[in-house]
Amino acid sequence: MFGAKLKEKFTQDPPDSQIDLFTIKFNYYHPLDFPVNQNNILSLFDLLINELKLINKDLNNKHLSKVIDYLTKGKKGFTNRKLDTVREQLLNAVTSIFEARRQLPQDEDKKLEYSLIKLENLYAQSLKNKKNKTSKLKLENELKKLKNSLPQVEQHLLSEENKGKNIVLKAKIILLIKEKLDKAEKNLSEGNLYYTEILTRSSFYLKREIFTN
């Protein structure tokens, strides 16, 4: 959910000169995951960097510090129109954000879920003018392989539950994987290969969490 609070004090009667008009665009059927100006890529970098700095202020997690560093380098690469550098640094950031997830308490880990969504969006938006060297067929195969592996993952969780283990958190991860894979499938059909690529990668890391945590 995205929201903002505006406060104003009227000092004139009537307050004609103090009235501001706002136009809010909202597509009910296709809401944005990250409802800010998608064309201002540097702003997307800054918003995510500042958000992660705030999260890491008290945690001082080394992996989150790496994410911030990778994002800063990615922003510099985008400024210099070095999109290969942008891709490399953002992929590094994704890897490190999952390393951080393994170490953080559940409440902070939830915050990183939203940061990950923003990072996935940033990856897709910052690289949309770069030709993707990964073929659509390869992405289709990776996506199909992950989706076909989900019954095995669910069977693993049932086995864990039968041993008396609490599987609630891991069951939520499966739901998150399915959500990302469905979104990846939709973006693949629309030709958004970079979005498909990063969503598939995130799903792979989430699946690994189920077997390693």
Protein backbone atom coordinates (compact mmCIF):
# COMPACT_ATOMS: atom_id res chain seq x y z
CA MET A 1 0.00 0.00 0.00
CA PHE A 2 1.25 3.44 -0.90
CA GLY A 3 0.04 6.55 0.85
CA ALA A 4 0.86 10.08 1.88
CA LYS A 5 -0.44 12.60 4.39
CA LEU A 6 -0.90 16.25 3.53
CA LYS A 7 -1.41 18.92 6.21
CA GLU A 8 -2.39 22.52 5.53
CA LYS A 9 -3.53 25.47 7.61
CA PHE A 10 -5.91 27.98 6.06
CA THR A 11 -5.30 31.61 6.99
CA GLN A 12 -7.61 33.32 4.51
CA ASP A 13 -11.38 33.42 4.28
CA PRO A 14 -12.29 32.31 1.71
CA PRO A 15 -9.01 30.37 1.14
CA ASP A 16 -9.08 30.67 -2.68
CA SER A 17 -5.35 31.40 -3.05
CA GLN A 18 -4.45 28.52 -0.74
CA ILE A 19 -6.26 25.81 -2.62
CA ASP A 20 -4.13 23.22 -4.41
CA LEU A 21 -5.49 20.80 -6.99
CA PHE A 22 -4.07 17.28 -7.36
CA THR A 23 -4.68 14.81 -10.18
CA ILE A 24 -4.32 11.21 -9.06
CA LYS A 25 -4.12 8.51 -11.71
CA PHE A 26 -5.06 5.01 -10.59
CA ASN A 27 -5.61 1.97 -12.77
CA TYR A 28 -7.81 -0.36 -10.73
CA TYR A 29 -7.16 -3.35 -12.98
CA HIS A 30 -3.40 -2.90 -13.32
CA PRO A 31 -2.05 -1.26 -10.14
CA LEU A 32 1.70 -0.68 -9.94
CA ASP A 33 3.79 -2.56 -7.40
CA PHE A 34 5.81 0.58 -6.88
CA PRO A 35 3.53 3.56 -7.66
CA VAL A 36 6.04 6.33 -8.30
CA ASN A 37 7.39 7.91 -11.48
CA GLN A 38 8.75 4.92 -13.39
CA ASN A 39 10.55 7.16 -15.91
CA ASN A 40 12.84 8.76 -13.33
CA ILE A 41 15.29 5.89 -12.91
CA LEU A 42 17.75 7.83 -10.76
CA SER A 43 14.91 8.59 -8.37
CA LEU A 44 14.08 4.88 -8.19
CA PHE A 45 17.70 4.20 -7.25
CA ASP A 46 17.67 6.94 -4.60
CA LEU A 47 14.39 5.82 -3.04
CA LEU A 48 15.58 2.23 -2.65
CA ILE A 49 19.04 3.22 -1.39
CA ASN A 50 17.54 5.53 1.24
CA GLU A 51 14.99 2.92 2.28
CA LEU A 52 17.68 0.28 2.81
CA LYS A 53 19.89 2.73 4.69
CA LEU A 54 17.00 3.36 7.05
CA ILE A 55 16.37 -0.37 7.54
CA ASN A 56 20.07 -1.00 8.14
CA LYS A 57 20.58 1.94 10.49
CA ASP A 58 20.08 -0.18 13.60
CA LEU A 59 20.76 -3.61 12.09
CA ASN A 60 24.20 -2.82 10.69
CA ASN A 61 23.97 -5.96 8.54
CA LYS A 62 27.02 -6.44 6.31
CA HIS A 63 24.97 -7.93 3.47
CA LEU A 64 22.55 -4.99 3.45
CA SER A 65 25.57 -2.68 3.38
CA LYS A 66 26.71 -4.57 0.28
CA VAL A 67 23.27 -4.15 -1.31
CA ILE A 68 23.47 -0.40 -0.77
CA ASP A 69 26.99 -0.34 -2.24
CA TYR A 70 25.90 -2.33 -5.31
CA LEU A 71 22.93 -0.01 -5.84
CA THR A 72 25.18 3.03 -5.59
CA LYS A 73 27.50 1.56 -8.22
CA GLY A 74 24.50 0.64 -10.36
CA LYS A 75 23.21 4.20 -10.18
CA LYS A 76 26.62 5.49 -11.27
CA GLY A 77 26.61 3.02 -14.15
CA PHE A 78 23.18 4.19 -15.24
CA THR A 79 24.29 7.82 -15.09
CA ASN A 80 27.24 6.93 -17.34
CA ARG A 81 24.99 4.84 -19.63
CA LYS A 82 26.89 1.66 -18.82
CA LEU A 83 23.95 -0.71 -18.73
CA ASP A 84 26.11 -3.85 -18.48
CA THR A 85 27.43 -2.41 -15.22
CA VAL A 86 23.88 -1.65 -14.07
CA ARG A 87 22.81 -5.25 -14.72
CA GLU A 88 25.86 -6.71 -12.97
CA GLN A 89 25.48 -4.53 -9.88
CA LEU A 90 21.74 -5.08 -9.55
CA LEU A 91 22.16 -8.86 -9.83
CA ASN A 92 24.79 -8.63 -7.09
CA ALA A 93 22.30 -6.64 -5.02
CA VAL A 94 19.65 -9.36 -5.40
CA THR A 95 22.11 -12.03 -4.25
CA SER A 96 23.11 -9.99 -1.20
CA ILE A 97 19.54 -9.13 -0.24
CA PHE A 98 18.83 -12.85 0.06
CA GLU A 99 21.98 -13.32 2.12
CA ALA A 100 20.66 -10.61 4.43
CA ARG A 101 17.25 -12.30 4.65
CA ARG A 102 18.87 -15.36 6.18
CA GLN A 103 20.25 -13.33 9.07
CA LEU A 104 17.44 -10.92 9.92
CA PRO A 105 14.54 -11.38 12.37
CA GLN A 106 11.11 -12.00 10.85
CA ASP A 107 9.79 -8.44 11.20
CA GLU A 108 12.79 -6.94 9.40
CA ASP A 109 12.77 -9.79 6.89
CA LYS A 110 9.24 -8.72 5.90
CA LYS A 111 10.51 -5.23 5.12
CA LEU A 112 13.03 -6.75 2.74
CA GLU A 113 10.22 -8.44 0.82
CA TYR A 114 8.98 -4.98 -0.18
CA SER A 115 12.54 -3.82 -0.89
CA LEU A 116 12.98 -6.85 -3.14
CA ILE A 117 9.86 -5.91 -5.11
CA LYS A 118 11.30 -2.44 -5.63
CA LEU A 119 14.67 -3.91 -6.64
CA GLU A 120 12.99 -6.18 -9.20
CA ASN A 121 11.11 -3.19 -10.57
CA LEU A 122 14.31 -1.14 -10.71
CA TYR A 123 16.08 -3.92 -12.61
CA ALA A 124 13.34 -4.05 -15.23
CA GLN A 125 12.95 -0.27 -15.59
CA SER A 126 16.65 0.60 -15.72
CA LEU A 127 17.39 -2.02 -18.40
CA LYS A 128 14.30 -1.64 -20.58
CA ASN A 129 16.35 0.05 -23.35
CA LYS A 130 19.04 -2.63 -23.31
CA LYS A 131 18.72 -5.68 -25.55
CA ASN A 132 18.42 -8.83 -23.45
CA LYS A 133 21.02 -11.43 -24.41
CA THR A 134 18.99 -14.15 -22.69
CA SER A 135 16.58 -15.67 -25.21
CA LYS A 136 12.87 -15.86 -24.58
CA LEU A 137 13.07 -19.63 -25.02
CA LYS A 138 15.68 -19.95 -22.27
CA LEU A 139 13.55 -17.88 -19.90
CA GLU A 140 10.52 -20.02 -20.78
CA ASN A 141 12.47 -23.16 -19.92
CA GLU A 142 13.76 -21.74 -16.62
CA LEU A 143 10.29 -20.62 -15.67
CA LYS A 144 8.77 -23.99 -16.58
CA LYS A 145 11.46 -25.84 -14.60
CA LEU A 146 10.77 -23.79 -11.49
CA LYS A 147 7.00 -24.18 -11.75
CA ASN A 148 7.33 -27.93 -12.26
CA SER A 149 9.49 -28.20 -9.15
CA LEU A 150 6.84 -26.73 -6.82
CA PRO A 151 5.05 -30.06 -6.11
CA GLN A 152 8.39 -31.44 -4.88
CA VAL A 153 8.84 -28.39 -2.66
CA GLU A 154 5.34 -28.79 -1.22
CA GLN A 155 6.01 -32.47 -0.59
CA HIS A 156 9.17 -31.54 1.27
CA LEU A 157 7.18 -29.23 3.54
CA LEU A 158 4.59 -31.93 4.25
CA SER A 159 7.42 -34.22 5.25
CA GLU A 160 8.80 -31.53 7.55
CA GLU A 161 5.37 -31.01 9.09
CA ASN A 162 4.99 -34.74 9.72
CA LYS A 163 8.22 -34.57 11.70
CA GLY A 164 6.62 -31.98 13.97
CA LYS A 165 8.35 -28.94 12.49
CA ASN A 166 6.65 -25.56 12.12
CA ILE A 167 6.30 -24.91 8.40
CA VAL A 168 4.18 -21.73 8.52
CA LEU A 169 6.95 -19.37 7.38
CA LYS A 170 8.11 -21.70 4.61
CA ALA A 171 4.54 -22.16 3.42
CA LYS A 172 4.35 -18.37 3.05
CA ILE A 173 7.54 -18.50 0.98
CA ILE A 174 5.89 -20.98 -1.39
CA LEU A 175 2.99 -18.56 -1.86
CA LEU A 176 5.49 -15.79 -2.58
CA ILE A 177 7.27 -18.00 -5.14
CA LYS A 178 3.98 -18.75 -6.90
CA GLU A 179 3.11 -15.06 -6.96
CA LYS A 180 6.45 -14.16 -8.53
CA LEU A 181 6.31 -16.99 -11.07
CA ASP A 182 2.80 -15.98 -12.16
CA LYS A 183 4.02 -12.43 -12.56
CA ALA A 184 7.08 -13.64 -14.49
CA GLU A 185 4.85 -15.65 -16.81
CA LYS A 186 2.68 -12.60 -17.47
CA ASN A 187 5.71 -10.41 -18.20
CA LEU A 188 7.19 -13.06 -20.48
CA SER A 189 3.99 -13.12 -22.54
CA GLU A 190 4.22 -9.32 -22.81
CA GLY A 191 7.87 -9.43 -23.91
CA ASN A 192 9.27 -7.92 -20.70
CA LEU A 193 12.31 -10.19 -20.62
CA TYR A 194 14.29 -8.36 -17.94
CA TYR A 195 11.35 -8.41 -15.55
CA THR A 196 10.89 -12.12 -16.27
CA GLU A 197 14.58 -12.74 -15.70
CA ILE A 198 14.76 -11.05 -12.30
CA LEU A 199 11.48 -12.53 -11.04
CA THR A 200 12.68 -16.00 -12.01
CA ARG A 201 15.97 -15.44 -10.22
CA SER A 202 14.22 -14.23 -7.07
CA SER A 203 11.98 -17.31 -7.18
CA PHE A 204 15.03 -19.55 -7.41
CA TYR A 205 16.58 -17.93 -4.33
CA LEU A 206 13.28 -18.21 -2.44
CA LYS A 207 13.04 -21.90 -3.29
CA ARG A 208 16.57 -22.41 -1.98
CA GLU A 209 15.55 -20.78 1.32
CA ILE A 210 13.00 -23.52 1.90
CA PHE A 211 15.65 -26.24 1.75
CA THR A 212 18.50 -24.41 3.47
CA ASN A 213 16.90 -22.47 6.35
